[in-house]
């Protein structure tokens, strides 16, 4: 029997440049940016040098604090919070605007 249900987005497919998180050694979540996608090995190479199975890499959670490069204020990073990740187009909605380009996001500099 064929299903007419809509095809779900493939949540673990992140494009290069996307901020993601993954479990660190101590159980804390670490954050990095996807650099390359290797579909033959089902892995990602991240900006921090990690190479991880796609199953371990997640979108940033709702409520995570980020900074977003806003051209409205002369290319300044402004504080924002993640509202949701859209797996269908690879963007994040933030509390300051919907469907943001993940390449314009960064983690707050501590």
N, C-alpha and C. Protein backbone atom coordinates (compact mmCIF):
# COMPACT_ATOMS: atom_id res chain seq x y z
N UNK A 1 0.85 -1.20 0.00
CA UNK A 1 0.00 0.00 0.00
C UNK A 1 0.88 1.24 0.00
N UNK A 2 0.63 2.12 -0.93
CA UNK A 2 1.42 3.35 -1.01
C UNK A 2 0.84 4.39 -0.08
N UNK A 3 1.72 5.15 0.54
CA UNK A 3 1.28 6.19 1.45
C UNK A 3 1.18 7.52 0.70
N UNK A 4 0.10 8.24 0.95
CA UNK A 4 -0.04 9.57 0.37
C UNK A 4 0.39 10.66 1.34
N UNK A 5 0.98 10.22 2.45
CA UNK A 5 1.43 11.20 3.45
C UNK A 5 2.54 12.06 2.86
N UNK A 6 2.59 13.35 3.24
CA UNK A 6 3.66 14.20 2.73
C UNK A 6 5.02 13.70 3.21
N UNK A 7 6.00 13.87 2.37
CA UNK A 7 7.35 13.44 2.72
C UNK A 7 7.91 14.40 3.77
N UNK A 8 8.37 13.84 4.87
CA UNK A 8 8.92 14.69 5.93
C UNK A 8 10.27 15.26 5.49
N UNK A 9 10.56 16.44 5.97
CA UNK A 9 11.88 17.02 5.71
C UNK A 9 12.95 16.10 6.30
N UNK A 10 14.08 16.05 5.67
CA UNK A 10 15.18 15.28 6.21
C UNK A 10 15.93 16.17 7.17
N UNK A 11 15.59 16.07 8.44
CA UNK A 11 16.03 17.05 9.44
C UNK A 11 17.53 17.12 9.59
N UNK A 12 18.24 16.02 9.29
CA UNK A 12 19.66 16.03 9.61
C UNK A 12 20.51 16.51 8.43
N UNK A 13 19.90 17.10 7.44
CA UNK A 13 20.67 17.57 6.29
C UNK A 13 20.92 19.06 6.46
N UNK A 14 22.13 19.40 6.89
CA UNK A 14 22.48 20.80 7.09
C UNK A 14 23.42 21.25 5.97
N UNK A 15 23.17 22.42 5.45
CA UNK A 15 24.01 22.95 4.39
C UNK A 15 25.29 23.55 4.98
N UNK A 16 26.37 23.60 4.21
CA UNK A 16 27.59 24.26 4.69
C UNK A 16 27.27 25.70 5.13
N UNK A 17 27.87 26.08 6.25
CA UNK A 17 27.63 27.41 6.80
C UNK A 17 26.62 27.45 7.92
N UNK A 18 25.89 26.33 8.13
CA UNK A 18 24.84 26.31 9.15
C UNK A 18 25.43 26.07 10.54
N UNK A 19 25.00 26.87 11.51
CA UNK A 19 25.36 26.63 12.91
C UNK A 19 24.59 25.42 13.41
N UNK A 20 25.30 24.50 14.04
CA UNK A 20 24.68 23.28 14.57
C UNK A 20 25.27 22.97 15.94
N UNK A 21 24.70 22.01 16.63
CA UNK A 21 25.26 21.58 17.91
C UNK A 21 25.40 20.07 17.92
N UNK A 22 26.25 19.59 18.80
CA UNK A 22 26.50 18.16 18.91
C UNK A 22 26.96 17.88 20.33
N UNK A 23 26.80 16.62 20.81
CA UNK A 23 27.19 16.30 22.18
C UNK A 23 28.71 16.25 22.33
N UNK A 24 29.22 16.99 23.29
CA UNK A 24 30.65 16.98 23.57
C UNK A 24 31.02 15.82 24.49
N UNK A 25 32.30 15.69 24.75
CA UNK A 25 32.80 14.56 25.55
C UNK A 25 32.19 14.57 26.95
N UNK A 26 32.07 15.77 27.54
CA UNK A 26 31.59 15.85 28.93
C UNK A 26 30.06 15.87 29.01
N UNK A 27 29.39 15.65 27.89
CA UNK A 27 27.93 15.66 27.91
C UNK A 27 27.34 17.03 27.63
N UNK A 28 28.19 18.05 27.56
CA UNK A 28 27.68 19.37 27.23
C UNK A 28 27.51 19.49 25.72
N UNK A 29 26.61 20.34 25.30
CA UNK A 29 26.43 20.55 23.88
C UNK A 29 27.49 21.51 23.37
N UNK A 30 28.14 21.14 22.29
CA UNK A 30 29.11 22.01 21.65
C UNK A 30 28.48 22.57 20.38
N UNK A 31 28.91 23.75 20.02
CA UNK A 31 28.34 24.40 18.84
C UNK A 31 29.44 24.66 17.83
N UNK A 32 29.13 24.43 16.57
CA UNK A 32 30.08 24.72 15.51
C UNK A 32 29.30 24.98 14.23
N UNK A 33 30.04 25.17 13.14
CA UNK A 33 29.43 25.47 11.85
C UNK A 33 29.79 24.34 10.88
N UNK A 34 28.82 23.90 10.08
CA UNK A 34 29.08 22.87 9.08
C UNK A 34 29.99 23.46 8.00
N UNK A 35 31.08 22.75 7.71
CA UNK A 35 31.97 23.18 6.63
C UNK A 35 31.72 22.36 5.36
N UNK A 36 31.73 21.03 5.50
CA UNK A 36 31.47 20.18 4.35
C UNK A 36 30.52 19.05 4.74
N UNK A 37 29.77 18.57 3.75
CA UNK A 37 28.83 17.48 3.94
C UNK A 37 29.36 16.30 3.11
N UNK A 38 29.50 15.16 3.77
CA UNK A 38 29.96 13.95 3.07
C UNK A 38 28.83 12.93 3.10
N UNK A 39 28.03 12.91 2.04
CA UNK A 39 26.87 12.03 2.02
C UNK A 39 27.26 10.56 1.87
N UNK A 40 28.41 10.28 1.27
CA UNK A 40 28.79 8.88 1.13
C UNK A 40 29.13 8.28 2.48
N UNK A 41 29.68 9.07 3.38
CA UNK A 41 29.97 8.58 4.73
C UNK A 41 28.93 9.03 5.75
N UNK A 42 27.93 9.77 5.28
CA UNK A 42 26.89 10.31 6.17
C UNK A 42 27.50 11.07 7.33
N UNK A 43 28.43 11.97 7.00
CA UNK A 43 29.09 12.73 8.06
C UNK A 43 29.21 14.20 7.67
N UNK A 44 29.51 15.01 8.67
CA UNK A 44 29.78 16.43 8.49
C UNK A 44 31.17 16.73 9.00
N UNK A 45 31.88 17.62 8.29
CA UNK A 45 33.08 18.20 8.87
C UNK A 45 32.70 19.59 9.37
N UNK A 46 33.05 19.85 10.63
CA UNK A 46 32.67 21.11 11.25
C UNK A 46 33.86 22.07 11.32
N UNK A 47 33.53 23.33 11.58
CA UNK A 47 34.54 24.38 11.60
C UNK A 47 35.60 24.14 12.67
N UNK A 48 35.21 23.49 13.77
CA UNK A 48 36.17 23.25 14.85
C UNK A 48 37.04 22.03 14.60
N UNK A 49 36.90 21.42 13.41
CA UNK A 49 37.74 20.28 13.06
C UNK A 49 37.10 18.92 13.31
N UNK A 50 35.96 18.90 13.98
CA UNK A 50 35.28 17.64 14.25
C UNK A 50 34.72 17.06 12.96
N UNK A 51 34.75 15.73 12.85
CA UNK A 51 34.04 15.03 11.78
C UNK A 51 33.07 14.10 12.49
N UNK A 52 31.78 14.33 12.28
CA UNK A 52 30.77 13.61 13.05
C UNK A 52 29.75 12.94 12.15
N UNK A 53 29.20 11.80 12.61
CA UNK A 53 28.08 11.20 11.88
C UNK A 53 26.91 12.19 11.84
N UNK A 54 26.20 12.20 10.74
CA UNK A 54 25.07 13.13 10.63
C UNK A 54 24.05 12.91 11.73
N UNK A 55 23.96 11.69 12.24
CA UNK A 55 22.97 11.39 13.29
C UNK A 55 23.26 12.11 14.60
N UNK A 56 24.51 12.56 14.81
CA UNK A 56 24.86 13.24 16.07
C UNK A 56 24.70 14.75 16.00
N UNK A 57 24.51 15.27 14.80
CA UNK A 57 24.47 16.72 14.62
C UNK A 57 23.02 17.19 14.61
N UNK A 58 22.75 18.23 15.38
CA UNK A 58 21.39 18.75 15.54
C UNK A 58 21.34 20.24 15.24
N UNK A 59 20.15 20.70 14.93
CA UNK A 59 19.91 22.14 14.81
C UNK A 59 19.97 22.77 16.20
N UNK A 60 20.28 24.04 16.24
CA UNK A 60 20.25 24.76 17.52
C UNK A 60 18.83 24.73 18.06
N UNK A 61 18.72 24.60 19.38
CA UNK A 61 17.40 24.48 20.00
C UNK A 61 16.72 25.84 20.14
N UNK A 62 15.41 25.76 20.26
CA UNK A 62 14.60 26.94 20.55
C UNK A 62 15.13 27.62 21.82
N UNK A 63 15.36 28.92 21.76
CA UNK A 63 15.81 29.66 22.94
C UNK A 63 17.30 29.89 23.02
N UNK A 64 18.08 29.24 22.13
CA UNK A 64 19.54 29.44 22.15
C UNK A 64 19.85 30.87 21.73
N UNK A 65 20.76 31.51 22.48
CA UNK A 65 21.17 32.88 22.18
C UNK A 65 22.19 32.87 21.04
N UNK A 66 21.95 33.68 20.04
CA UNK A 66 22.88 33.83 18.92
C UNK A 66 23.05 35.31 18.62
N UNK A 67 23.92 35.60 17.67
CA UNK A 67 24.02 36.95 17.14
C UNK A 67 23.79 36.87 15.64
N UNK A 68 23.10 37.90 15.12
CA UNK A 68 22.74 37.90 13.70
C UNK A 68 23.26 39.17 13.05
N UNK A 69 23.89 38.99 11.89
CA UNK A 69 24.46 40.12 11.16
C UNK A 69 23.33 40.89 10.48
N UNK A 70 23.05 42.06 11.00
CA UNK A 70 21.93 42.85 10.50
C UNK A 70 22.44 43.98 9.62
N UNK A 71 22.01 43.97 8.38
CA UNK A 71 22.40 45.06 7.47
C UNK A 71 21.61 46.32 7.78
N UNK A 72 20.50 46.15 8.47
CA UNK A 72 19.66 47.31 8.79
C UNK A 72 20.42 48.32 9.66
N UNK A 73 21.31 47.81 10.51
CA UNK A 73 22.04 48.70 11.42
C UNK A 73 23.49 48.86 10.99
N UNK A 74 23.75 48.73 9.70
CA UNK A 74 25.11 48.94 9.23
C UNK A 74 26.04 47.77 9.48
N UNK A 75 25.58 46.56 9.18
CA UNK A 75 26.41 45.35 9.32
C UNK A 75 26.92 45.14 10.75
N UNK A 76 26.04 45.27 11.70
CA UNK A 76 26.38 44.99 13.10
C UNK A 76 25.70 43.69 13.50
N UNK A 77 26.37 42.96 14.39
CA UNK A 77 25.74 41.76 14.96
C UNK A 77 24.80 42.19 16.08
N UNK A 78 23.58 41.71 16.04
CA UNK A 78 22.60 42.02 17.07
C UNK A 78 22.20 40.73 17.77
N UNK A 79 21.90 40.82 19.06
CA UNK A 79 21.53 39.65 19.85
C UNK A 79 20.16 39.15 19.40
N UNK A 80 20.03 37.82 19.36
CA UNK A 80 18.77 37.22 18.94
C UNK A 80 18.64 35.86 19.61
N UNK A 81 17.44 35.31 19.55
CA UNK A 81 17.18 33.97 20.07
C UNK A 81 16.61 33.10 18.96
N UNK A 82 17.06 31.85 18.93
CA UNK A 82 16.52 30.91 17.96
C UNK A 82 15.07 30.59 18.33
N UNK A 83 14.20 30.65 17.33
CA UNK A 83 12.81 30.25 17.52
C UNK A 83 12.60 28.85 16.95
N UNK A 84 13.11 28.63 15.72
CA UNK A 84 12.96 27.30 15.14
C UNK A 84 13.87 27.16 13.93
N UNK A 85 14.23 25.90 13.63
CA UNK A 85 15.01 25.59 12.43
C UNK A 85 14.07 25.05 11.37
N UNK A 86 14.22 25.50 10.14
CA UNK A 86 13.37 25.03 9.04
C UNK A 86 14.20 24.10 8.16
N UNK A 87 13.98 22.80 8.32
CA UNK A 87 14.78 21.84 7.57
C UNK A 87 14.49 21.91 6.08
N UNK A 88 13.34 22.41 5.69
CA UNK A 88 12.99 22.43 4.26
C UNK A 88 13.82 23.43 3.47
N UNK A 89 14.19 24.56 4.08
CA UNK A 89 15.00 25.54 3.35
C UNK A 89 16.32 25.86 4.05
N UNK A 90 16.60 25.19 5.16
CA UNK A 90 17.90 25.36 5.80
C UNK A 90 18.10 26.69 6.50
N UNK A 91 17.01 27.33 6.90
CA UNK A 91 17.12 28.62 7.60
C UNK A 91 16.66 28.48 9.04
N UNK A 92 17.05 29.45 9.86
CA UNK A 92 16.55 29.56 11.23
C UNK A 92 15.62 30.76 11.30
N UNK A 93 14.51 30.61 12.02
CA UNK A 93 13.73 31.78 12.40
C UNK A 93 14.22 32.22 13.77
N UNK A 94 14.49 33.52 13.87
CA UNK A 94 14.95 34.11 15.12
C UNK A 94 13.84 35.01 15.66
N UNK A 95 13.99 35.42 16.93
CA UNK A 95 12.95 36.28 17.49
C UNK A 95 12.93 37.66 16.83
N UNK A 96 14.00 38.02 16.11
CA UNK A 96 14.02 39.33 15.47
C UNK A 96 13.58 39.30 14.01
N UNK A 97 13.67 38.13 13.36
CA UNK A 97 13.17 38.00 11.99
C UNK A 97 13.09 36.54 11.59
N UNK A 98 12.16 36.23 10.66
CA UNK A 98 12.00 34.84 10.21
C UNK A 98 13.00 34.47 9.13
N UNK A 99 13.23 33.20 8.98
CA UNK A 99 14.01 32.63 7.88
C UNK A 99 15.32 33.37 7.63
N UNK A 100 16.19 33.32 8.62
CA UNK A 100 17.49 33.99 8.53
C UNK A 100 18.52 33.07 7.88
N UNK A 101 19.38 33.66 7.09
CA UNK A 101 20.49 32.94 6.48
C UNK A 101 21.44 32.49 7.59
N UNK A 102 21.66 31.17 7.75
CA UNK A 102 22.51 30.71 8.86
C UNK A 102 23.95 31.22 8.76
N UNK A 103 24.39 31.57 7.56
CA UNK A 103 25.76 32.07 7.41
C UNK A 103 25.93 33.45 8.05
N UNK A 104 24.81 34.13 8.32
CA UNK A 104 24.87 35.46 8.96
C UNK A 104 24.72 35.35 10.48
N UNK A 105 24.65 34.12 10.97
CA UNK A 105 24.51 33.92 12.42
C UNK A 105 25.84 33.50 13.01
N UNK A 106 26.03 33.84 14.27
CA UNK A 106 27.20 33.35 15.00
C UNK A 106 26.80 33.20 16.46
N UNK A 107 27.60 32.42 17.18
CA UNK A 107 27.39 32.31 18.61
C UNK A 107 27.92 33.57 19.25
N UNK A 108 27.31 34.02 20.36
CA UNK A 108 27.81 35.22 21.04
C UNK A 108 29.27 35.06 21.44
N UNK A 109 30.05 36.09 21.23
CA UNK A 109 31.45 36.05 21.61
C UNK A 109 31.53 36.27 23.11
N UNK A 110 32.10 35.30 23.82
CA UNK A 110 32.13 35.40 25.28
C UNK A 110 33.46 35.95 25.76
